[in-house]
Every structure is written in C-alpha cells, then in structure tokens.
C-alpha cells in the first residue's frame, strides 16, 4: 500500500484495519478462491479503478504510518510533543 499497490487479502486478523474493501483493495474469506479470482480480475481489468485504488491504498498507508509514528513518539518521550497535534 505504501508503494501504491492495491491489496487483495483475506478478511482475518488485523488486515481489515488496513485494507478497506472496495477502496484500497478487496477482501474475502480465506477459503473462497473464486472470490479472490473475481476480485483480482475486476481490479486488473479496470484501469481507472486500479489507479483510484492505488491512490487510496497510498493514503491509507500514509495515515496509518503517521498514526503509528506519533503513537510511538508519545510512548517514547511522553505526550508533550503530541499534545498540540491532538494525535493521542
């Protein structure tokens, strides 16, 4: 996602928090391969959708990386530096 590649993933674990179905990629149940195939073909056969998913994936990754960075900073050096950003 951080290099503008849409994701086709399962909907298990922490992945649904990262990959937004229909926006940054597609998600499906792990065992249903026909849905994985359908999603892959749908994404690769529509250049406009692929480009939009690329941008959405990048924005999602960027936002998550920033949140994790500020959370780490807050935990490492206290909340003083993050207070003005309302990021906690």
Protein backbone atom coordinates (compact mmCIF):
# COMPACT_ATOMS: atom_id res chain seq x y z
CA UNK A 1 0.00 0.00 0.00
CA UNK A 2 2.85 2.37 0.79
CA UNK A 3 4.14 1.91 -2.77
CA UNK A 4 0.69 2.44 -4.31
CA UNK A 5 -0.23 -1.18 -4.87
CA UNK A 6 -3.82 -2.17 -4.10
CA UNK A 7 -4.24 -5.19 -1.85
CA UNK A 8 -6.27 -8.34 -2.34
CA UNK A 9 -6.34 -10.01 1.05
CA UNK A 10 -8.25 -12.18 3.46
CA UNK A 11 -10.59 -10.62 5.99
CA UNK A 12 -8.87 -12.16 9.02
CA UNK A 13 -6.56 -10.90 11.72
CA UNK A 14 -5.63 -7.22 11.64
CA UNK A 15 -5.86 -6.97 7.86
CA UNK A 16 -9.38 -5.44 7.78
CA UNK A 17 -8.00 -2.49 9.74
CA UNK A 18 -5.51 -1.83 6.95
CA UNK A 19 -7.25 -2.83 3.74
CA UNK A 20 -10.58 -1.10 3.13
CA UNK A 21 -12.73 -3.35 0.93
CA UNK A 22 -13.69 -1.59 -2.29
CA UNK A 23 -11.41 1.38 -1.63
CA UNK A 24 -7.79 0.27 -1.12
CA UNK A 25 -8.30 -3.24 -2.44
CA UNK A 26 -10.55 -6.23 -1.91
CA UNK A 27 -11.01 -8.65 0.96
CA UNK A 28 -12.64 -12.06 1.03
CA UNK A 29 -12.82 -15.16 3.13
CA UNK A 30 -9.58 -17.07 3.04
CA UNK A 31 -11.04 -20.29 1.65
CA UNK A 32 -13.19 -18.91 -1.18
CA UNK A 33 -10.76 -18.79 -4.10
CA UNK A 34 -13.43 -17.89 -6.70
CA UNK A 35 -13.97 -14.55 -4.94
CA UNK A 36 -10.20 -13.93 -4.89
CA UNK A 37 -10.10 -14.64 -8.63
CA UNK A 38 -13.10 -12.38 -9.30
CA UNK A 39 -11.59 -9.53 -7.27
CA UNK A 40 -8.21 -9.85 -8.99
CA UNK A 41 -9.74 -9.82 -12.46
CA UNK A 42 -12.04 -6.90 -11.57
CA UNK A 43 -9.14 -4.82 -10.33
CA UNK A 44 -6.72 -5.62 -13.14
CA UNK A 45 -9.28 -5.19 -15.92
CA UNK A 46 -10.38 -1.68 -14.92
CA UNK A 47 -7.50 0.80 -15.21
CA UNK A 48 -9.48 3.69 -13.71
CA UNK A 49 -10.45 1.63 -10.66
CA UNK A 50 -6.89 0.32 -10.33
CA UNK A 51 -5.46 3.85 -10.34
CA UNK A 52 -8.02 5.04 -7.78
CA UNK A 53 -7.30 2.05 -5.53
CA UNK A 54 -3.57 2.83 -5.84
CA UNK A 55 -4.08 6.35 -4.56
CA UNK A 56 -6.45 5.20 -1.82
CA UNK A 57 -4.01 2.49 -0.71
CA UNK A 58 -1.18 5.02 -0.51
CA UNK A 59 -3.27 7.47 1.53
CA UNK A 60 -4.38 4.70 3.90
CA UNK A 61 -0.79 3.53 4.39
CA UNK A 62 0.43 7.09 4.89
CA UNK A 63 -2.24 7.79 7.51
CA UNK A 64 -1.55 4.55 9.37
CA UNK A 65 2.20 5.13 9.33
CA UNK A 66 1.74 8.64 10.73
CA UNK A 67 -0.57 7.40 13.48
CA UNK A 68 1.89 4.68 14.45
CA UNK A 69 4.79 7.12 14.35
CA UNK A 70 3.09 9.60 16.68
CA UNK A 71 1.91 6.83 18.96
CA UNK A 72 5.48 5.60 19.20
CA UNK A 73 6.76 9.11 19.84
CA UNK A 74 4.14 9.63 22.53
CA UNK A 75 5.11 6.40 24.25
CA UNK A 76 8.84 7.07 23.94
CA UNK A 77 9.07 10.70 25.02
CA UNK A 78 5.70 11.41 26.60
CA UNK A 79 2.58 13.13 25.37
CA UNK A 80 4.01 16.69 25.47
CA UNK A 81 5.15 16.72 21.81
CA UNK A 82 1.88 15.20 20.55
CA UNK A 83 -0.48 17.32 22.64
CA UNK A 84 -0.56 20.22 20.19
CA UNK A 85 -1.33 17.85 17.31
CA UNK A 86 -4.33 16.26 19.06
CA UNK A 87 -2.90 12.94 17.98
CA UNK A 88 -3.45 10.82 21.06
